[in-house]
Protein backbone atom coordinates (compact mmCIF):
# COMPACT_ATOMS: atom_id res chain seq x y z
CA MET A 1 33.59 3.90 -9.46
CA THR A 2 31.87 1.73 -7.06
CA GLY A 3 28.09 0.85 -7.02
CA LEU A 4 25.47 2.12 -8.90
CA PRO A 5 24.38 5.29 -9.75
CA ALA A 6 21.45 7.08 -8.55
CA GLN A 7 18.14 5.88 -10.17
CA PRO A 8 15.16 7.52 -11.09
CA ALA A 9 12.59 7.43 -8.69
CA VAL A 10 10.27 4.06 -9.43
CA PRO A 11 6.62 5.70 -10.29
CA ALA A 12 3.90 5.21 -8.51
CA HIS A 13 1.74 4.10 -11.06
CA PHE A 14 4.64 1.70 -12.04
CA GLN A 15 3.10 -2.11 -10.23
CA THR A 16 4.28 -5.00 -12.00
CA PHE A 17 7.74 -5.78 -12.94
CA LEU A 18 10.28 -8.53 -14.58
CA ALA A 19 13.85 -9.31 -13.08
CA PHE A 20 16.78 -10.26 -15.11
CA ASP A 21 19.64 -12.60 -13.63
CA PHE A 22 21.82 -11.78 -16.75
CA GLY A 23 24.45 -14.22 -17.35
CA VAL A 24 25.95 -15.15 -20.29
CA LYS A 25 24.78 -18.82 -20.90
CA ARG A 26 21.71 -18.76 -18.41
CA THR A 27 19.60 -15.97 -17.42
CA GLY A 28 17.13 -15.98 -14.26
CA VAL A 29 13.94 -14.45 -14.68
CA ALA A 30 11.07 -13.22 -12.09
CA THR A 31 7.99 -11.36 -11.59
CA GLY A 32 6.51 -9.27 -9.39
CA ASN A 33 4.19 -6.57 -7.85
CA ARG A 34 4.74 -3.39 -5.84
CA MET A 35 1.84 -4.34 -3.77
CA LEU A 36 2.68 -7.62 -2.18
CA ARG A 37 6.33 -6.60 -2.52
CA SER A 38 7.41 -10.57 -3.64
CA ALA A 39 8.35 -11.91 -6.24
CA SER A 40 7.91 -15.30 -7.89
CA PRO A 41 10.65 -17.25 -9.80
CA GLN A 42 9.75 -18.06 -14.09
CA GLN A 43 11.43 -20.22 -15.98
CA THR A 44 15.46 -19.62 -16.60
CA ILE A 45 16.35 -18.73 -20.06
CA LYS A 46 18.91 -21.10 -21.45
CA ALA A 47 19.99 -19.31 -24.78
CA GLU A 48 23.42 -18.04 -25.59
CA GLY A 49 23.73 -15.39 -27.74
CA ALA A 50 21.98 -12.13 -27.97
CA ASP A 51 19.49 -13.09 -30.51
CA ALA A 52 18.08 -16.12 -28.86
CA ARG A 53 18.33 -14.07 -25.74
CA PHE A 54 16.14 -11.43 -26.38
CA GLU A 55 13.62 -13.56 -28.08
CA GLN A 56 13.04 -15.21 -25.09
CA VAL A 57 12.97 -11.86 -23.31
CA ALA A 58 10.07 -10.88 -25.45
CA GLN A 59 7.80 -13.80 -25.30
CA ARG A 60 8.34 -13.17 -21.10
CA ILE A 61 7.06 -9.80 -21.73
CA LYS A 62 4.13 -10.01 -23.75
CA GLU A 63 3.34 -12.81 -21.80
CA TRP A 64 3.52 -10.78 -18.20
CA GLN A 65 2.94 -7.61 -19.62
CA PRO A 66 5.34 -5.13 -16.90
CA ASP A 67 5.48 -1.78 -15.95
CA ALA A 68 9.36 -1.93 -15.75
CA LEU A 69 12.46 -4.00 -16.02
CA VAL A 70 14.67 -4.50 -13.00
CA ILE A 71 18.18 -5.95 -13.88
CA GLY A 72 20.75 -7.08 -11.06
CA VAL A 73 24.24 -5.94 -11.71
CA PRO A 74 27.08 -8.16 -10.24
CA TYR A 75 29.59 -6.36 -8.35
CA HIS A 76 32.94 -7.34 -6.26
CA PRO A 77 32.50 -8.03 -2.60
CA ASP A 78 34.62 -4.12 -2.19
CA GLY A 79 32.40 -2.40 -5.00
CA ALA A 80 34.63 -2.59 -8.00
CA SER A 81 33.40 -3.05 -11.20
CA HIS A 82 33.65 -6.60 -13.07
CA GLU A 83 33.68 -8.21 -16.88
CA ASN A 84 30.15 -9.41 -15.56
CA THR A 85 29.23 -5.93 -14.10
CA GLU A 86 29.68 -4.25 -17.91
CA ARG A 87 27.80 -7.47 -19.69
CA ALA A 88 24.42 -6.55 -17.28
CA LEU A 89 24.57 -2.93 -17.92
CA LYS A 90 25.18 -3.60 -21.60
CA PHE A 91 22.38 -6.35 -21.32
CA GLY A 92 19.91 -3.15 -19.48
CA ARG A 93 20.99 -1.12 -22.16
CA GLN A 94 19.98 -3.46 -24.60
CA LEU A 95 15.91 -3.75 -22.83
CA ARG A 96 15.70 -0.26 -22.98
CA GLY A 97 16.38 0.25 -26.56
CA ARG A 98 14.60 -3.30 -28.10
CA PHE A 99 11.64 -2.92 -25.22
CA GLY A 100 11.36 1.00 -25.14
CA LEU A 101 10.43 0.23 -20.82
CA GLN A 102 12.36 1.74 -18.23
CA VAL A 103 15.43 -0.69 -16.48
CA PHE A 104 15.87 -0.61 -12.80
CA GLU A 105 19.26 -1.44 -11.75
CA VAL A 106 19.92 -3.73 -8.02
CA ASP A 107 23.02 -4.39 -6.92
CA GLU A 108 22.98 -7.99 -7.10
CA ARG A 109 26.58 -9.19 -4.97
CA TYR A 110 25.94 -12.40 -3.22
CA SER A 111 22.24 -13.09 -4.70
CA THR A 112 23.31 -16.10 -6.18
CA THR A 113 24.92 -17.31 -3.26
CA GLU A 114 21.99 -16.93 -1.32
CA ALA A 115 19.78 -18.21 -3.37
CA ILE A 116 22.27 -21.36 -3.51
CA ALA A 117 22.23 -21.55 0.18
CA GLY A 118 18.26 -20.99 0.43
CA GLY A 119 18.48 -24.53 -1.13
CA ALA A 120 17.13 -23.33 -4.60
CA LYS A 121 16.83 -25.86 -7.06
CA ASP A 122 17.18 -22.95 -9.98
CA ALA A 123 19.67 -20.92 -8.54
CA ASP A 124 19.31 -18.02 -11.65
CA ALA A 125 15.47 -17.85 -11.26
CA ALA A 126 16.25 -17.68 -7.34
CA SER A 127 18.77 -15.18 -7.66
CA ALA A 128 16.14 -13.05 -10.08
CA CYS A 129 13.56 -13.22 -7.21
CA ILE A 130 16.06 -11.98 -4.91
CA ILE A 131 16.76 -9.23 -6.88
CA LEU A 132 13.72 -8.63 -7.67
CA GLU A 133 12.70 -8.59 -4.10
CA GLN A 134 15.14 -6.36 -2.86
CA PHE A 135 14.29 -3.86 -5.27
CA LEU A 136 10.34 -4.19 -3.99
CA ARG A 137 11.64 -3.63 -0.55
CA ASN A 138 13.13 0.15 -1.27
CA LEU A 139 10.01 0.79 -3.15
CA PRO A 140 8.43 3.63 -1.00
């Protein structure tokens, strides 16, 4: 199978979102809201290992109080999944289980390339912004 499966509709009362560009060593973070349909980069989580990463994720969720979470899921250019696809999907399942928030998945092909091409100082945070803005643009 290629690409993401269909996802449930985003409820209209979901207004604020926290997005993650998952990486084994660094996880980009961005916040955004439905009304403005824009995202702002946050400090990248530089943590290896689930416990350290989720401790920092918990702090971000406490700080921003999002209605839902958004994660980028990487795929090969042809849409085929790879090792990092499975890691990102697992991260999404763990977020759902640990924090009880709905998690929406976005195909993040080329987001890091776009962030670097745009001159981002923190490519991970910029990539999380690109992921979140793509998600927000597709909301009704």
